[in-house]
Protein backbone atom coordinates (compact mmCIF):
# COMPACT_ATOMS: atom_id res chain seq x y z
CA MET A 1 131.30 38.98 163.16
CA ALA A 2 134.26 41.22 163.96
CA GLY A 3 134.20 42.98 167.31
CA ARG A 4 134.26 46.79 167.41
CA GLY A 5 134.79 49.37 170.09
CA GLY A 6 136.92 48.89 173.19
CA ALA A 7 139.31 46.12 174.11
CA ARG A 8 136.56 44.00 175.70
CA ASN A 9 133.79 44.70 173.19
CA TYR A 10 132.98 41.45 171.42
CA PRO A 11 129.80 39.74 170.12
CA LYS A 12 127.57 38.70 173.05
CA PRO A 13 126.90 34.94 173.28
CA TYR A 14 123.34 34.09 172.26
CA VAL A 15 122.36 31.50 174.91
CA ASP A 16 119.32 29.28 174.52
CA SER A 17 116.32 30.82 176.25
CA GLY A 18 115.27 27.41 177.63
CA LEU A 19 118.48 27.06 179.64
CA LEU A 20 118.05 30.57 180.96
CA TYR A 21 114.47 29.80 181.94
CA LYS A 22 115.64 26.87 184.09
CA ALA A 23 118.23 29.06 185.84
CA LEU A 24 115.64 31.77 186.52
CA ALA A 25 112.93 29.34 187.69
CA ALA A 26 115.32 27.82 190.26
CA HIS A 27 115.84 31.24 191.90
CA GLU A 28 112.46 32.99 191.78
CA ASP A 29 113.03 34.98 194.97
CA LEU A 30 116.20 36.58 193.57
CA VAL A 31 114.53 37.32 190.23
CA ALA A 32 111.76 39.18 192.05
CA ASN A 33 114.19 41.14 194.29
CA LEU A 34 117.91 41.58 193.56
CA GLY A 35 118.62 43.53 196.74
CA SER A 36 121.07 46.39 196.28
CA TYR A 37 121.23 45.72 192.52
CA GLU A 38 117.71 47.05 192.16
CA HIS A 39 119.21 50.56 192.11
CA LEU A 40 122.87 50.25 191.02
CA SER A 41 124.00 51.00 187.48
CA ARG A 42 126.93 49.80 185.38
CA SER A 43 128.93 52.95 186.06
CA ASN A 44 128.88 52.29 189.81
CA ALA A 45 131.54 50.21 191.56
CA PRO A 46 130.67 46.54 192.23
CA CYS A 47 128.87 45.94 195.52
CA PRO A 48 130.38 42.91 197.34
CA THR A 49 127.37 42.40 199.65
CA GLY A 50 124.95 42.57 196.72
CA LEU A 51 127.03 40.07 194.75
CA VAL A 52 127.07 37.65 197.69
CA ARG A 53 123.29 37.95 198.08
CA CYS A 54 122.71 37.18 194.38
CA LEU A 55 125.49 34.56 194.28
CA PRO A 56 123.22 31.54 193.50
CA LEU A 57 121.65 33.33 190.52
CA TRP A 58 124.81 34.49 188.76
CA ARG A 59 126.58 31.18 189.49
CA ALA A 60 123.72 29.45 187.64
CA PHE A 61 124.35 31.78 184.68
CA LEU A 62 128.10 31.06 184.79
CA LYS A 63 127.40 27.33 184.51
CA ILE A 64 125.54 28.06 181.27
CA GLU A 65 128.00 30.66 179.90
CA LYS A 66 131.49 30.82 181.51
CA SER A 67 132.19 34.35 180.26
CA GLY A 68 129.24 35.71 182.26
CA ASP A 69 128.15 37.82 179.27
CA ILE A 70 124.68 36.89 178.00
CA HIS A 71 122.68 38.48 175.20
CA SER A 72 119.67 40.36 176.55
CA SER A 73 117.23 39.15 173.86
CA PRO A 74 116.98 35.47 174.97
CA LEU A 75 117.05 36.66 178.59
CA ARG A 76 113.89 38.72 178.01
CA VAL A 77 112.21 35.74 176.33
CA ALA A 78 113.02 33.54 179.33
CA LEU A 79 111.68 36.15 181.77
CA ILE A 80 108.39 36.47 179.88
CA SER A 81 108.03 32.67 179.85
CA LEU A 82 108.63 32.59 183.61
CA LEU A 83 106.10 35.39 184.16
CA ALA A 84 103.47 33.51 182.14
CA GLU A 85 103.65 30.61 184.61
CA LYS A 86 104.12 32.71 187.78
CA PRO A 87 102.49 36.12 187.34
CA GLN A 88 102.97 36.95 191.05
CA LEU A 89 106.59 37.82 190.26
CA ASN A 90 105.46 41.10 188.66
CA GLN A 91 104.92 43.34 191.67
CA SER A 92 105.68 46.61 189.84
CA GLY A 93 102.19 47.34 188.48
CA GLN A 94 103.62 47.65 184.94
CA SER A 95 102.89 45.45 181.95
CA GLY A 96 104.70 42.13 181.54
CA GLN A 97 106.84 43.43 178.70
CA VAL A 98 108.04 46.41 180.74
CA TRP A 99 108.75 44.18 183.75
CA ALA A 100 110.78 41.76 181.61
CA ASN A 101 112.84 44.60 180.12
CA LEU A 102 113.57 46.06 183.57
CA ARG A 103 114.53 42.67 185.02
CA ALA A 104 116.82 41.93 182.05
CA GLU A 105 118.54 45.29 182.49
CA ARG A 106 119.12 44.59 186.22
CA ILE A 107 120.50 41.09 185.56
CA VAL A 108 122.83 42.41 182.84
CA CYS A 109 124.13 45.04 185.30
CA LEU A 110 124.72 42.29 187.90
CA LEU A 111 126.72 40.14 185.45
CA ASN A 112 128.69 43.21 184.34
CA HIS A 113 129.84 43.82 187.95
CA VAL A 114 130.69 40.12 188.33
CA ARG A 115 133.01 40.28 185.31
CA ALA A 116 134.50 43.59 186.51
CA MET A 117 135.34 42.14 189.95
CA SER A 118 136.81 38.98 188.42
CA ARG A 119 139.29 41.14 186.49
CA GLN A 120 140.49 42.96 189.61
CA SER A 121 143.92 41.91 190.83
CA SER A 122 143.06 42.68 194.46
CA LEU A 123 139.82 42.10 196.40
CA GLN A 124 140.67 44.29 199.39
CA THR A 125 137.34 46.17 199.34
CA ALA A 126 135.41 42.90 199.27
CA ALA A 127 137.52 41.44 202.09
CA SER A 128 136.92 44.52 204.24
CA ARG A 129 133.13 44.39 203.83
CA LEU A 130 132.49 40.62 204.01
CA ASN A 131 133.04 37.97 206.64
CA LYS A 132 135.19 34.92 206.07
CA ASP A 133 132.51 32.56 204.70
CA ASP A 134 130.96 35.14 202.34
CA PHE A 135 134.37 36.20 201.04
CA LEU A 136 135.43 32.60 200.30
CA SER A 137 132.15 31.85 198.52
CA LEU A 138 132.56 35.05 196.46
CA GLN A 139 136.10 34.02 195.46
CA GLU A 140 134.86 30.58 194.36
CA GLY A 141 132.18 32.18 192.21
CA LEU A 142 134.60 34.68 190.63
CA ASN A 143 137.03 31.87 189.79
CA MET A 144 134.31 30.39 187.55
CA VAL A 145 134.46 33.43 185.22
CA ALA A 146 136.50 32.71 182.09
CA ALA A 147 137.60 35.52 179.77
CA VAL A 148 136.60 35.29 176.12
CA PRO A 149 139.61 34.70 173.78
CA GLU A 150 138.58 37.57 171.53
CA ALA A 151 138.54 39.92 174.49
CA LEU A 152 141.98 38.76 175.59
CA GLU A 153 143.38 39.31 172.09
CA LYS A 154 141.96 42.83 171.96
CA ALA A 155 143.33 43.65 175.40
CA GLN A 156 146.79 42.40 174.42
CA ALA A 157 146.70 44.41 171.18
CA LEU A 158 145.70 47.52 173.12
CA GLU A 159 148.53 47.03 175.59
CA LYS A 160 151.02 46.63 172.73
CA ALA A 161 149.78 49.83 171.04
CA GLN A 162 150.10 51.78 174.29
CA ALA A 163 153.64 50.44 174.80
CA LEU A 164 154.62 51.52 171.27
CA GLU A 165 153.26 55.04 171.85
CA LYS A 166 155.23 55.34 175.08
CA SER A 167 158.45 54.19 173.38
CA LYS A 168 157.98 56.72 170.56
CA ALA A 169 157.45 59.53 173.06
CA MET A 170 160.61 58.51 174.90
CA GLU A 171 162.65 58.49 171.68
CA GLU A 172 161.40 61.97 170.73
CA SER A 173 162.30 63.39 174.14
CA LYS A 174 165.86 61.96 174.10
CA PRO A 175 167.44 64.65 171.80
CA LEU A 176 166.06 67.44 174.03
CA GLU A 177 167.44 65.80 177.15
CA LYS A 178 170.84 65.33 175.50
CA ALA A 179 170.95 68.98 174.44
CA LYS A 180 170.06 70.15 177.93
CA SER A 181 172.68 67.91 179.53
CA ALA A 182 175.36 69.12 177.06
CA GLY A 183 174.56 72.73 177.90
CA SER A 184 173.82 73.76 174.32
CA LYS A 185 171.41 76.59 173.62
CA LEU A 186 167.96 75.85 172.27
CA LEU A 187 165.93 78.14 170.05
CA LYS A 188 163.24 80.09 171.83
CA LYS A 189 159.84 80.89 170.41
CA ASN A 190 159.42 84.64 169.86
CA ASP A 191 156.40 86.50 168.57
CA SER A 192 157.28 88.13 165.24
CA ASN A 193 154.54 90.75 165.69
CA SER A 194 156.47 92.95 168.11
CA SER A 195 154.68 95.87 169.69
CA ALA A 196 157.74 98.13 169.30
CA VAL A 197 157.57 99.42 165.69
CA SER A 198 160.22 101.83 164.39
CA MET A 199 158.66 105.23 163.57
CA ASP A 200 160.03 108.21 161.69
CA ALA A 201 159.93 111.88 162.79
CA ARG A 202 156.39 112.37 161.40
CA GLY A 203 154.87 109.44 163.26
CA PHE A 204 154.70 107.02 160.29
CA PRO A 205 156.27 103.52 160.30
CA SER A 206 159.74 103.48 158.78
CA MET A 207 158.81 100.59 156.50
CA PHE A 208 156.58 102.98 154.48
CA ALA A 209 159.37 105.49 153.88
CA SER A 210 159.94 106.45 150.22
CA SER A 211 162.91 104.91 148.43
CA PRO A 212 165.82 107.14 147.27
CA GLU A 213 164.92 106.32 143.65
CA CYS A 214 161.83 108.61 143.86
CA PRO A 215 163.13 112.15 144.60
CA LYS A 216 159.74 113.76 143.85
CA THR A 217 157.90 111.85 146.54
CA ALA A 218 160.75 112.38 148.98
CA ALA A 219 160.64 116.14 148.35
CA ALA A 220 156.84 116.17 148.84
CA ALA A 221 157.17 114.26 152.09
CA SER A 222 159.85 116.65 153.34
CA LYS A 223 157.34 119.55 153.17
CA LEU A 224 155.08 117.91 155.77
CA PRO A 225 155.41 119.46 159.26
CA LEU A 226 157.00 117.40 161.99
CA LEU A 227 154.85 115.93 164.73
CA SER A 228 157.03 117.65 167.30
CA THR A 229 156.31 121.13 165.83
CA ARG A 230 152.51 120.95 165.44
CA ARG A 231 150.04 121.85 168.15
CA PRO A 232 148.45 118.89 170.01
CA GLY A 233 144.96 118.14 168.71
CA SER A 234 145.48 119.83 165.36
CA ARG A 235 145.68 118.04 162.04
CA VAL A 236 148.71 118.00 159.81
CA GLN A 237 148.22 120.44 156.92
CA THR A 238 149.43 118.90 153.70
CA ASP A 239 150.16 120.29 150.28
CA THR A 240 147.26 118.78 148.35
CA ASP A 241 148.57 119.82 144.92
CA SER A 242 151.89 118.04 145.34
CA LEU A 243 150.17 114.99 146.86
CA GLU A 244 147.72 114.72 143.96
CA LYS A 245 150.51 115.04 141.46
CA ALA A 246 152.50 112.33 143.21
CA MET A 247 149.47 109.99 143.18
CA GLY A 248 148.59 110.74 139.55
CA TYR A 249 145.31 112.60 140.15
CA ALA A 250 146.54 116.02 139.08
CA ALA A 251 144.71 115.91 135.72
CA CYS A 252 141.38 115.17 137.40
CA SER A 253 141.65 118.07 139.86
CA LYS A 254 142.26 120.87 137.32
CA LYS A 255 139.84 123.77 137.36
CA ARG A 256 137.48 124.31 134.46
CA PRO A 257 138.63 127.01 132.02
CA ALA A 258 136.67 130.20 131.55
CA ALA A 259 135.45 129.12 128.08
CA ALA A 260 133.99 125.93 129.51
CA LEU A 261 132.21 127.93 132.21
CA GLU A 262 130.74 130.28 129.61
CA LYS A 263 129.42 127.35 127.55
CA ALA A 264 127.90 125.77 130.64
CA GLN A 265 126.21 129.04 131.56
CA ALA A 266 124.94 129.44 127.98
CA LYS A 267 123.31 126.03 128.14
CA LYS A 268 121.52 126.90 131.37
CA PRO A 269 117.97 128.27 130.91
CA SER A 270 117.46 131.92 131.69
CA ALA A 271 115.38 133.24 134.57
CA LYS A 272 112.61 134.36 132.17
CA ALA A 273 112.39 130.90 130.63
CA LEU A 274 112.20 129.34 134.06
CA GLY A 275 109.42 131.76 135.07
CA LYS A 276 107.40 130.95 131.95
CA ALA A 277 107.76 127.23 132.56
CA LYS A 278 106.54 127.61 136.14
CA LYS A 279 103.56 129.70 135.01
CA GLY A 280 102.70 127.05 132.39
CA LYS A 281 102.71 124.34 135.02
CA LYS A 282 100.47 126.39 137.31
CA ALA A 283 98.09 127.05 134.44
CA ALA A 284 97.98 123.34 133.63
CA LYS A 285 97.13 122.61 137.24
CA LYS A 286 94.37 125.25 137.27
CA LYS A 287 92.38 123.74 134.43
CA ALA A 288 88.62 124.03 134.67
CA LYS A 289 87.12 121.14 136.53
CA PRO A 290 83.93 119.68 135.05
CA LEU A 291 82.18 119.45 138.42
CA GLU A 292 82.68 123.22 138.97
CA LYS A 293 82.58 124.83 135.52
CA GLY A 294 79.83 122.73 133.96
CA MET A 295 81.94 121.28 131.13
CA ARG A 296 80.74 117.95 129.79
CA MET A 297 83.41 115.25 130.02
CA LYS A 298 83.20 111.51 130.08
CA TRP A 299 82.92 110.02 133.52
CA LEU A 300 85.79 107.52 133.92
CA LYS A 301 84.48 106.09 137.16
CA LEU A 302 81.11 106.18 138.92
CA LYS A 303 80.15 104.67 142.26
CA VAL A 304 76.78 104.36 144.01
CA THR A 305 76.85 104.16 147.82
CA SER A 306 73.91 103.32 150.09
CA ALA A 307 73.85 104.30 153.79
CA LYS A 308 71.41 103.74 156.67
CA LYS A 309 72.70 106.15 159.32
CA PRO A 310 71.74 108.77 160.33
CA LYS A 311 68.91 108.13 157.86
CA PRO A 312 68.52 105.94 154.77
CA ARG A 313 70.01 107.59 151.71
CA ALA A 314 72.01 106.94 148.52
CA TYR A 315 74.60 109.13 146.85
CA LEU A 316 76.58 109.05 143.63
CA THR A 317 80.34 109.84 143.38
CA GLY A 318 82.60 109.95 140.33
CA THR A 319 85.62 111.41 138.58
CA THR A 320 86.60 112.45 135.04
CA GLU A 321 90.38 112.29 135.65
CA GLU A 322 92.52 109.18 135.48
CA GLY A 323 93.52 108.21 139.01
CA GLY A 324 91.51 111.11 140.44
CA LYS A 325 89.60 111.03 143.69
CA LEU A 326 85.87 110.31 143.67
CA LYS A 327 83.81 113.43 144.41
CA LEU A 328 80.15 113.82 145.35
CA ILE A 329 77.82 114.45 142.41
CA VAL A 330 74.29 114.06 143.78
CA GLU A 331 72.57 112.65 146.89
CA VAL A 332 68.96 111.50 147.46
CA THR A 333 67.63 110.77 150.95
CA SER A 334 64.60 108.82 152.13
CA SER A 335 63.01 112.06 153.39
CA MET A 336 63.06 113.37 149.80
CA SER A 337 61.48 110.25 148.35
CA PRO A 338 61.00 106.64 149.43
CA HIS A 339 62.22 105.68 145.91
CA PHE A 340 65.67 107.24 146.46
CA ALA A 341 67.53 104.09 145.29
CA GLN A 342 65.69 104.03 141.92
CA ILE A 343 66.30 107.77 141.40
CA ILE A 344 70.05 107.31 141.95
CA ASP A 345 70.09 104.41 139.46
CA ASP A 346 68.35 106.54 136.81
CA ILE A 347 70.83 109.39 137.33
CA GLN A 348 73.78 106.97 137.06
CA LYS A 349 72.52 105.61 133.74
CA SER A 350 72.15 109.13 132.34
CA LEU A 351 75.67 110.08 133.49
CA GLU A 352 77.16 107.01 131.81
CA LYS A 353 75.18 107.52 128.60
CA ASP A 354 75.08 111.33 128.12
CA SER A 355 78.05 112.46 130.33
CA LEU A 356 75.90 114.92 132.27
CA THR A 357 77.52 117.58 134.44
CA LYS A 358 76.90 117.97 138.15
CA ALA A 359 74.41 120.79 137.60
CA GLU A 360 72.50 118.72 135.07
CA ALA A 361 72.46 115.80 137.49
CA LEU A 362 70.93 118.03 140.20
CA ASP A 363 68.27 119.23 137.77
CA MET A 364 67.51 115.65 136.82
CA ARG A 365 67.12 114.77 140.52
CA ALA A 366 64.52 117.51 140.92
CA ARG A 367 62.56 116.27 137.94
CA LEU A 368 62.68 112.65 139.08
CA LEU A 369 61.50 113.58 142.56
CA GLU A 370 58.42 115.29 141.07
CA THR A 371 57.79 112.32 138.77
CA TYR A 372 57.97 109.69 141.55
CA ALA A 373 55.90 111.92 143.88
CA ALA A 374 53.11 112.05 141.29
CA LYS A 375 53.04 108.27 141.15
């Protein structure tokens, strides 16, 4: 399996969980409490006093694996096996699986700091914090750490790559240094978009000036007033005819001839014709409505509505026009007859069958009221 990542990123050794169990069982007190390494993380600096306190535990791991880098999976298995025999080690109140994961993470952090301190060229911080005996025992333990060959190869390759990059940068900077020492001039970077633009007398950029090959456009431009002669705040008055001719729009801007105007006026309707058309529209709108004039027309839509307030009643609405609003035709209340719903149904059937008018529907209501009253 090829290593990926940084210079010291290589496959973690997969140590037998039985060997790890023996190392953990021999140091139960340290497994239960790692001292200062209960709260430190990998990003923190190594703690010399914490390493000395946990020295027996990580020395036992170094005897199993000299690199001091152990895969966390067999470590968790060994911790769970130890917890099964001695459950008093779990003082966190969490489940055994959670406790094993937390302990494995703490032990991995401890071994990471051991490897980091073994790579340091100077142990001044450790010497300043520890006494003589603790410092000597820490040095003996750190001397047991052996670097993995793959990690050494990656570190050497990284150092070579960094050296090559430095040499290339030095070679690129040499011509500039030689030019400066010789006193030769170097090109300076200038912004091509300069704020100072050359303008003509009329306030337009000189780059838009007409070429001498076009005398017509030059003559048209010469008629424009100068910016220095016009009043501030006023617009420049231009000769629109000459400008349209120069741009090729002269044909589109010609006025219509008198003959064309006469034809257009002849096609327009006269005032009398317009008046007649308006009168015809008004007459069409004022057609006789069947509900008012008594004309029989087919009812396109009929609707029966029943209501309880302010008193029980039923009324019939309808229209003879397509899309027209429903208008009241006849209404029967409970005070007129307790059979008001049946009377409305009979009137609706007659309207659908015989296309009765509103007046005829009212007459029919009067007859039906007398008929149902006699019953």
